[in-house]
Amino acid sequence: MASSILESTDGRLRAGWRVLGFGLLLILLSVVGLLGVRSVLGGLPRGSDLAITVVAVAATVAVIVARRFFDKKSFVSLGLAIGRGTVKDLLFGMLLSFLMAGLVFGVMASFGLVENIEVSDIGLSALLLLLLPNILIGWWEEIVFRGIPCRT
């Protein structure tokens, strides 16, 4: 008789149970992390860069734990191995994102939906700090919504 919880071939949890366990673990780690930061700092604005960082770290830890114990696979099996083409793939992804954002900006500008903003005073380091929350959001969204469900 087949188990409704375990796979008969490899003894892992069935896919639905693995995804459910991962989701609960992600929520638990996020809530504990956010509450811990709030208690230390006396508050944390919703959507702040620190909150985004806490959720990104919680998601990364949850994926590592879920891959190791629920899926019985490694974290790099999500396609995160560093190899010869890694830098090229990262640059292509960034270029593609830049082109898509530029296209949206162009369409919005053509409809008069963009205000003039002076960006000449912004340095590269400030620009990277502005991009960091977006990079973190992209990271955790990819490993959470594509990494776990698509690789179980």
N, C-alpha and C. Protein backbone atom coordinates (compact mmCIF):
# COMPACT_ATOMS: atom_id res chain seq x y z
N MET A 1 0.84 -1.18 0.00
CA MET A 1 0.00 0.00 0.00
C MET A 1 0.89 1.24 0.00
N ALA A 2 0.59 2.18 -0.89
CA ALA A 2 1.37 3.41 -1.01
C ALA A 2 1.06 4.36 0.14
N SER A 3 2.09 5.02 0.62
CA SER A 3 1.92 6.00 1.69
C SER A 3 1.42 7.32 1.12
N SER A 4 0.55 7.99 1.87
CA SER A 4 0.07 9.29 1.41
C SER A 4 1.02 10.41 1.81
N ILE A 5 2.05 10.08 2.59
CA ILE A 5 3.00 11.09 3.04
C ILE A 5 4.37 10.92 2.39
N LEU A 6 4.83 9.68 2.25
CA LEU A 6 6.16 9.42 1.72
C LEU A 6 6.11 8.88 0.30
N GLU A 7 7.11 9.26 -0.49
CA GLU A 7 7.29 8.69 -1.83
C GLU A 7 7.73 7.24 -1.67
N SER A 8 7.22 6.36 -2.51
CA SER A 8 7.60 4.95 -2.40
C SER A 8 8.99 4.69 -2.99
N THR A 9 9.44 5.55 -3.91
CA THR A 9 10.71 5.30 -4.58
C THR A 9 11.93 5.72 -3.78
N ASP A 10 11.87 6.87 -3.10
CA ASP A 10 13.07 7.37 -2.43
C ASP A 10 12.86 7.73 -0.96
N GLY A 11 11.68 7.53 -0.42
CA GLY A 11 11.44 7.79 0.99
C GLY A 11 11.30 9.25 1.37
N ARG A 12 11.30 10.14 0.38
CA ARG A 12 11.11 11.57 0.68
C ARG A 12 9.63 11.84 0.91
N LEU A 13 9.36 12.99 1.50
CA LEU A 13 7.98 13.43 1.59
C LEU A 13 7.43 13.63 0.19
N ARG A 14 6.14 13.41 0.01
CA ARG A 14 5.53 13.70 -1.28
C ARG A 14 5.61 15.20 -1.56
N ALA A 15 5.53 15.56 -2.83
CA ALA A 15 5.75 16.95 -3.25
C ALA A 15 4.86 17.94 -2.51
N GLY A 16 3.60 17.65 -2.35
CA GLY A 16 2.68 18.56 -1.67
C GLY A 16 3.08 18.80 -0.23
N TRP A 17 3.51 17.75 0.45
CA TRP A 17 3.94 17.88 1.84
C TRP A 17 5.24 18.67 1.93
N ARG A 18 6.14 18.45 0.95
CA ARG A 18 7.40 19.22 0.95
C ARG A 18 7.14 20.70 0.76
N VAL A 19 6.25 21.05 -0.17
CA VAL A 19 5.93 22.46 -0.41
C VAL A 19 5.23 23.06 0.80
N LEU A 20 4.31 22.31 1.41
CA LEU A 20 3.62 22.80 2.61
C LEU A 20 4.62 23.00 3.75
N GLY A 21 5.49 22.04 3.97
CA GLY A 21 6.50 22.17 5.02
C GLY A 21 7.42 23.37 4.78
N PHE A 22 7.81 23.55 3.52
CA PHE A 22 8.64 24.69 3.18
C PHE A 22 7.91 26.00 3.44
N GLY A 23 6.66 26.08 3.04
CA GLY A 23 5.88 27.30 3.25
C GLY A 23 5.75 27.64 4.73
N LEU A 24 5.48 26.65 5.54
CA LEU A 24 5.38 26.88 6.99
C LEU A 24 6.73 27.30 7.58
N LEU A 25 7.80 26.67 7.13
CA LEU A 25 9.13 27.03 7.59
C LEU A 25 9.48 28.46 7.20
N LEU A 26 9.16 28.84 5.98
CA LEU A 26 9.43 30.20 5.50
C LEU A 26 8.66 31.23 6.33
N ILE A 27 7.40 30.96 6.59
CA ILE A 27 6.60 31.89 7.40
C ILE A 27 7.16 31.98 8.81
N LEU A 28 7.48 30.85 9.40
CA LEU A 28 8.04 30.83 10.76
C LEU A 28 9.33 31.63 10.84
N LEU A 29 10.27 31.36 9.93
CA LEU A 29 11.55 32.07 9.96
C LEU A 29 11.38 33.56 9.69
N SER A 30 10.49 33.92 8.78
CA SER A 30 10.25 35.34 8.49
C SER A 30 9.66 36.05 9.68
N VAL A 31 8.65 35.45 10.30
CA VAL A 31 8.00 36.08 11.45
C VAL A 31 8.99 36.20 12.62
N VAL A 32 9.72 35.14 12.91
CA VAL A 32 10.69 35.18 14.01
C VAL A 32 11.77 36.23 13.72
N GLY A 33 12.26 36.27 12.49
CA GLY A 33 13.28 37.25 12.14
C GLY A 33 12.78 38.68 12.24
N LEU A 34 11.59 38.93 11.70
CA LEU A 34 11.03 40.28 11.74
C LEU A 34 10.71 40.71 13.17
N LEU A 35 10.13 39.80 13.97
CA LEU A 35 9.84 40.13 15.36
C LEU A 35 11.13 40.36 16.16
N GLY A 36 12.16 39.57 15.87
CA GLY A 36 13.43 39.74 16.55
C GLY A 36 14.06 41.09 16.24
N VAL A 37 14.04 41.48 14.96
CA VAL A 37 14.60 42.79 14.58
C VAL A 37 13.76 43.91 15.18
N ARG A 38 12.45 43.74 15.18
CA ARG A 38 11.58 44.77 15.77
C ARG A 38 11.85 44.94 17.26
N SER A 39 12.04 43.82 17.95
CA SER A 39 12.26 43.92 19.40
C SER A 39 13.61 44.57 19.71
N VAL A 40 14.61 44.31 18.89
CA VAL A 40 15.93 44.89 19.11
C VAL A 40 15.93 46.38 18.77
N LEU A 41 15.30 46.74 17.66
CA LEU A 41 15.31 48.14 17.20
C LEU A 41 14.14 48.96 17.73
N GLY A 42 13.18 48.32 18.34
CA GLY A 42 12.01 49.04 18.84
C GLY A 42 10.99 49.35 17.76
N GLY A 43 11.11 48.74 16.62
CA GLY A 43 10.17 48.95 15.52
C GLY A 43 10.86 48.71 14.20
N LEU A 44 10.05 48.52 13.17
CA LEU A 44 10.57 48.27 11.83
C LEU A 44 9.50 48.67 10.83
N PRO A 45 9.76 49.71 10.05
CA PRO A 45 8.74 50.13 9.07
C PRO A 45 8.47 49.03 8.04
N ARG A 46 7.22 48.87 7.70
CA ARG A 46 6.83 47.88 6.71
C ARG A 46 7.46 48.23 5.36
N GLY A 47 8.05 47.26 4.73
CA GLY A 47 8.66 47.48 3.43
C GLY A 47 10.03 48.14 3.47
N SER A 48 10.60 48.28 4.66
CA SER A 48 11.92 48.90 4.77
C SER A 48 12.98 47.96 4.19
N ASP A 49 14.14 48.52 3.89
CA ASP A 49 15.23 47.72 3.35
C ASP A 49 15.65 46.62 4.32
N LEU A 50 15.61 46.93 5.61
CA LEU A 50 15.97 45.93 6.61
C LEU A 50 14.95 44.79 6.64
N ALA A 51 13.67 45.12 6.53
CA ALA A 51 12.64 44.08 6.49
C ALA A 51 12.81 43.19 5.26
N ILE A 52 13.14 43.80 4.13
CA ILE A 52 13.38 43.03 2.91
C ILE A 52 14.58 42.11 3.10
N THR A 53 15.61 42.61 3.73
CA THR A 53 16.80 41.80 3.98
C THR A 53 16.48 40.62 4.90
N VAL A 54 15.71 40.87 5.95
CA VAL A 54 15.34 39.80 6.88
C VAL A 54 14.56 38.71 6.16
N VAL A 55 13.62 39.10 5.32
CA VAL A 55 12.82 38.11 4.58
C VAL A 55 13.69 37.35 3.58
N ALA A 56 14.63 38.05 2.93
CA ALA A 56 15.53 37.39 1.98
C ALA A 56 16.40 36.36 2.70
N VAL A 57 16.91 36.70 3.87
CA VAL A 57 17.72 35.75 4.65
C VAL A 57 16.86 34.58 5.11
N ALA A 58 15.65 34.87 5.58
CA ALA A 58 14.74 33.81 6.03
C ALA A 58 14.41 32.87 4.87
N ALA A 59 14.18 33.42 3.69
CA ALA A 59 13.87 32.60 2.52
C ALA A 59 15.05 31.72 2.14
N THR A 60 16.25 32.30 2.20
CA THR A 60 17.44 31.52 1.85
C THR A 60 17.65 30.38 2.83
N VAL A 61 17.52 30.66 4.12
CA VAL A 61 17.68 29.61 5.13
C VAL A 61 16.59 28.55 4.97
N ALA A 62 15.35 28.98 4.73
CA ALA A 62 14.24 28.03 4.55
C ALA A 62 14.48 27.13 3.34
N VAL A 63 14.98 27.69 2.26
CA VAL A 63 15.25 26.88 1.07
C VAL A 63 16.38 25.89 1.35
N ILE A 64 17.44 26.35 2.01
CA ILE A 64 18.56 25.45 2.32
C ILE A 64 18.08 24.29 3.19
N VAL A 65 17.30 24.60 4.24
CA VAL A 65 16.79 23.55 5.14
C VAL A 65 15.83 22.62 4.40
N ALA A 66 14.92 23.19 3.62
CA ALA A 66 13.94 22.37 2.89
C ALA A 66 14.62 21.48 1.87
N ARG A 67 15.60 22.01 1.15
CA ARG A 67 16.31 21.19 0.17
C ARG A 67 17.04 20.04 0.87
N ARG A 68 17.63 20.34 1.99
CA ARG A 68 18.44 19.32 2.69
C ARG A 68 17.58 18.25 3.34
N PHE A 69 16.53 18.67 4.05
CA PHE A 69 15.77 17.71 4.86
C PHE A 69 14.47 17.24 4.22
N PHE A 70 13.79 18.09 3.46
CA PHE A 70 12.53 17.67 2.85
C PHE A 70 12.77 17.03 1.48
N ASP A 71 13.60 17.67 0.66
CA ASP A 71 13.83 17.18 -0.70
C ASP A 71 15.00 16.21 -0.78
N LYS A 72 15.85 16.23 0.26
CA LYS A 72 17.05 15.40 0.29
C LYS A 72 17.94 15.66 -0.92
N LYS A 73 18.08 16.95 -1.23
CA LYS A 73 18.94 17.40 -2.33
C LYS A 73 19.75 18.60 -1.85
N SER A 74 20.71 18.99 -2.65
CA SER A 74 21.55 20.12 -2.25
C SER A 74 20.95 21.44 -2.73
N PHE A 75 21.41 22.52 -2.12
CA PHE A 75 20.99 23.87 -2.50
C PHE A 75 21.42 24.19 -3.93
N VAL A 76 22.61 23.75 -4.32
CA VAL A 76 23.09 24.05 -5.68
C VAL A 76 22.32 23.26 -6.73
N SER A 77 21.57 22.25 -6.33
CA SER A 77 20.76 21.50 -7.30
C SER A 77 19.61 22.34 -7.84
N LEU A 78 19.44 23.54 -7.28
CA LEU A 78 18.43 24.47 -7.81
C LEU A 78 18.96 25.22 -9.04
N GLY A 79 20.15 24.88 -9.46
CA GLY A 79 20.76 25.56 -10.60
C GLY A 79 21.63 26.71 -10.16
N LEU A 80 22.08 26.68 -8.91
CA LEU A 80 22.86 27.78 -8.35
C LEU A 80 24.35 27.48 -8.29
N ALA A 81 24.79 26.49 -9.03
CA ALA A 81 26.22 26.19 -9.05
C ALA A 81 26.97 27.29 -9.78
N ILE A 82 28.14 27.61 -9.27
CA ILE A 82 28.97 28.63 -9.91
C ILE A 82 29.92 27.93 -10.86
N GLY A 83 29.85 28.34 -12.12
CA GLY A 83 30.70 27.74 -13.14
C GLY A 83 31.25 28.78 -14.09
N ARG A 84 31.72 28.31 -15.24
CA ARG A 84 32.34 29.21 -16.21
C ARG A 84 31.35 30.24 -16.75
N GLY A 85 30.10 29.88 -16.91
CA GLY A 85 29.13 30.79 -17.51
C GLY A 85 28.36 31.65 -16.51
N THR A 86 28.71 31.56 -15.24
CA THR A 86 27.95 32.26 -14.21
C THR A 86 27.95 33.77 -14.42
N VAL A 87 29.12 34.35 -14.61
CA VAL A 87 29.22 35.80 -14.78
C VAL A 87 28.46 36.23 -16.03
N LYS A 88 28.61 35.49 -17.11
CA LYS A 88 27.92 35.80 -18.35
C LYS A 88 26.40 35.74 -18.15
N ASP A 89 25.93 34.73 -17.45
CA ASP A 89 24.49 34.60 -17.19
C ASP A 89 23.98 35.75 -16.32
N LEU A 90 24.76 36.11 -15.29
CA LEU A 90 24.35 37.23 -14.43
C LEU A 90 24.29 38.54 -15.21
N LEU A 91 25.30 38.78 -16.03
CA LEU A 91 25.32 40.02 -16.83
C LEU A 91 24.17 40.05 -17.82
N PHE A 92 23.88 38.91 -18.45
CA PHE A 92 22.76 38.86 -19.39
C PHE A 92 21.44 39.11 -18.67
N GLY A 93 21.28 38.53 -17.49
CA GLY A 93 20.05 38.74 -16.72
C GLY A 93 19.89 40.19 -16.32
N MET A 94 20.98 40.81 -15.92
CA MET A 94 20.92 42.23 -15.54
C MET A 94 20.62 43.10 -16.76
N LEU A 95 21.25 42.80 -17.89
CA LEU A 95 21.00 43.56 -19.11
C LEU A 95 19.55 43.42 -19.54
N LEU A 96 19.03 42.21 -19.50
CA LEU A 96 17.64 41.98 -19.87
C LEU A 96 16.69 42.73 -18.95
N SER A 97 16.97 42.71 -17.65
CA SER A 97 16.15 43.45 -16.70
C SER A 97 16.22 44.94 -16.96
N PHE A 98 17.41 45.44 -17.25
CA PHE A 98 17.60 46.86 -17.56
C PHE A 98 16.80 47.24 -18.81
N LEU A 99 16.85 46.40 -19.84
CA LEU A 99 16.10 46.69 -21.07
C LEU A 99 14.60 46.67 -20.84
N MET A 100 14.12 45.72 -20.04
CA MET A 100 12.68 45.67 -19.76
C MET A 100 12.24 46.89 -18.97
N ALA A 101 13.03 47.26 -17.94
CA ALA A 101 12.70 48.45 -17.15
C ALA A 101 12.77 49.70 -18.02
N GLY A 102 13.77 49.76 -18.90
CA GLY A 102 13.89 50.90 -19.82
C GLY A 102 12.71 51.00 -20.76
N LEU A 103 12.22 49.87 -21.22
CA LEU A 103 11.04 49.87 -22.09
C LEU A 103 9.82 50.40 -21.35
N VAL A 104 9.63 49.94 -20.12
CA VAL A 104 8.51 50.43 -19.32
C VAL A 104 8.66 51.93 -19.07
N PHE A 105 9.87 52.36 -18.74
CA PHE A 105 10.13 53.78 -18.52
C PHE A 105 9.83 54.58 -19.79
N GLY A 106 10.25 54.08 -20.93
CA GLY A 106 9.99 54.76 -22.20
C GLY A 106 8.51 54.90 -22.49
N VAL A 107 7.76 53.84 -22.26
CA VAL A 107 6.31 53.90 -22.49
C VAL A 107 5.67 54.89 -21.53
N MET A 108 6.07 54.84 -20.26
CA MET A 108 5.52 55.78 -19.29
C MET A 108 5.88 57.22 -19.65
N ALA A 109 7.11 57.44 -20.08
CA ALA A 109 7.54 58.80 -20.47
C ALA A 109 6.75 59.28 -21.68
N SER A 110 6.47 58.38 -22.61
CA SER A 110 5.72 58.80 -23.81
C SER A 110 4.29 59.20 -23.47
N PHE A 111 3.75 58.71 -22.39
CA PHE A 111 2.41 59.10 -21.95
C PHE A 111 2.44 60.22 -20.90
N GLY A 112 3.61 60.77 -20.64
CA GLY A 112 3.73 61.86 -19.69
C GLY A 112 3.57 61.45 -18.25
N LEU A 113 3.90 60.22 -17.93
CA LEU A 113 3.72 59.69 -16.58
C LEU A 113 5.01 59.70 -15.75
N VAL A 114 6.05 60.37 -16.26
CA VAL A 114 7.33 60.40 -15.58
C VAL A 114 7.68 61.85 -15.24
N GLU A 115 8.07 62.07 -14.00
CA GLU A 115 8.52 63.40 -13.59
C GLU A 115 10.02 63.51 -13.82
N ASN A 116 10.48 64.73 -14.06
CA ASN A 116 11.92 64.94 -14.23
C ASN A 116 12.61 64.83 -12.88
N ILE A 117 13.62 63.99 -12.83
CA ILE A 117 14.39 63.79 -11.60
C ILE A 117 15.86 63.98 -11.94
N GLU A 118 16.54 64.78 -11.15
CA GLU A 118 17.97 64.99 -11.35
C GLU A 118 18.72 63.81 -10.74
N VAL A 119 19.37 63.03 -11.58
CA VAL A 119 20.12 61.88 -11.09
C VAL A 119 21.62 62.08 -11.26
N SER A 120 22.03 63.26 -11.71
CA SER A 120 23.46 63.47 -11.94
C SER A 120 24.25 63.48 -10.64
N ASP A 121 23.61 63.76 -9.52
CA ASP A 121 24.32 63.81 -8.25
C ASP A 121 24.43 62.44 -7.57
N ILE A 122 23.78 61.44 -8.14
CA ILE A 122 23.80 60.10 -7.55
C ILE A 122 25.03 59.36 -8.06
N GLY A 123 25.84 58.87 -7.13
CA GLY A 123 27.04 58.12 -7.50
C GLY A 123 26.71 56.65 -7.69
N LEU A 124 27.69 55.89 -8.15
CA LEU A 124 27.50 54.46 -8.39
C LEU A 124 27.17 53.73 -7.10
N SER A 125 27.86 54.06 -6.00
CA SER A 125 27.59 53.37 -4.74
C SER A 125 26.16 53.65 -4.26
N ALA A 126 25.69 54.88 -4.43
CA ALA A 126 24.31 55.20 -4.03
C ALA A 126 23.32 54.45 -4.92
N LEU A 127 23.65 54.34 -6.20
CA LEU A 127 22.78 53.62 -7.12
C LEU A 127 22.70 52.14 -6.73
N LEU A 128 23.84 51.57 -6.38
CA LEU A 128 23.84 50.17 -5.95
C LEU A 128 23.04 49.97 -4.67
N LEU A 129 23.13 50.93 -3.75
CA LEU A 129 22.32 50.84 -2.53
C LEU A 129 20.84 50.93 -2.84
N LEU A 130 20.49 51.72 -3.85
CA LEU A 130 19.09 51.81 -4.26
C LEU A 130 18.62 50.51 -4.92
N LEU A 131 19.52 49.84 -5.60
CA LEU A 131 19.17 48.61 -6.29
C LEU A 131 19.18 47.39 -5.38
N LEU A 132 19.90 47.46 -4.27
CA LEU A 132 20.05 46.30 -3.39
C LEU A 132 18.72 45.69 -2.94
N PRO A 133 17.74 46.48 -2.49
CA PRO A 133 16.47 45.86 -2.11
C PRO A 133 15.80 45.12 -3.28
N ASN A 134 15.91 45.66 -4.47
CA ASN A 134 15.33 44.99 -5.64
C ASN A 134 16.05 43.70 -5.96
N ILE A 135 17.36 43.70 -5.78
CA ILE A 135 18.13 42.47 -6.00
C ILE A 135 17.74 41.42 -4.97
N LEU A 136 17.61 41.83 -3.71
CA LEU A 136 17.22 40.88 -2.66
C LEU A 136 15.81 40.33 -2.91
N ILE A 137 14.90 41.19 -3.32
CA ILE A 137 13.54 40.73 -3.62
C ILE A 137 13.56 39.73 -4.77
N GLY A 138 14.31 40.06 -5.82
CA GLY A 138 14.42 39.13 -6.95
C GLY A 138 15.01 37.80 -6.53
N TRP A 139 16.02 37.85 -5.66
CA TRP A 139 16.66 36.63 -5.18
C TRP A 139 15.67 35.73 -4.46
N TRP A 140 14.99 36.29 -3.45
CA TRP A 140 14.13 35.41 -2.66
C TRP A 140 12.89 34.99 -3.43
N GLU A 141 12.39 35.83 -4.31
CA GLU A 141 11.24 35.41 -5.12
C GLU A 141 11.61 34.25 -6.04
N GLU A 142 12.79 34.31 -6.62
CA GLU A 142 13.21 33.22 -7.52
C GLU A 142 13.39 31.91 -6.78
N ILE A 143 14.07 31.93 -5.64
CA ILE A 143 14.29 30.65 -4.95
C ILE A 143 13.03 30.12 -4.30
N VAL A 144 12.12 31.02 -3.88
CA VAL A 144 10.89 30.59 -3.23
C VAL A 144 9.86 30.13 -4.25
N PHE A 145 9.61 30.92 -5.28
CA PHE A 145 8.51 30.64 -6.19
C PHE A 145 8.91 29.82 -7.42
N ARG A 146 10.19 29.72 -7.70
CA ARG A 146 10.63 28.86 -8.79
C ARG A 146 11.51 27.73 -8.29
N GLY A 147 12.37 28.03 -7.33
CA GLY A 147 13.30 27.03 -6.85
C GLY A 147 12.64 25.84 -6.21
N ILE A 148 11.80 26.08 -5.23
CA ILE A 148 11.19 24.96 -4.50
C ILE A 148 10.06 24.30 -5.29
N PRO A 149 9.03 25.02 -5.74
CA PRO A 149 7.95 24.33 -6.43
C PRO A 149 8.36 23.68 -7.75
N CYS A 150 9.29 24.27 -8.46
CA CYS A 150 9.65 23.75 -9.77
C CYS A 150 10.74 22.69 -9.71
N ARG A 151 11.35 22.50 -8.58
CA ARG A 151 12.44 21.53 -8.46
C ARG A 151 12.17 20.43 -7.44
N THR A 152 10.93 20.25 -7.01
CA THR A 152 10.66 19.24 -5.99
C THR A 152 10.57 17.89 -6.57
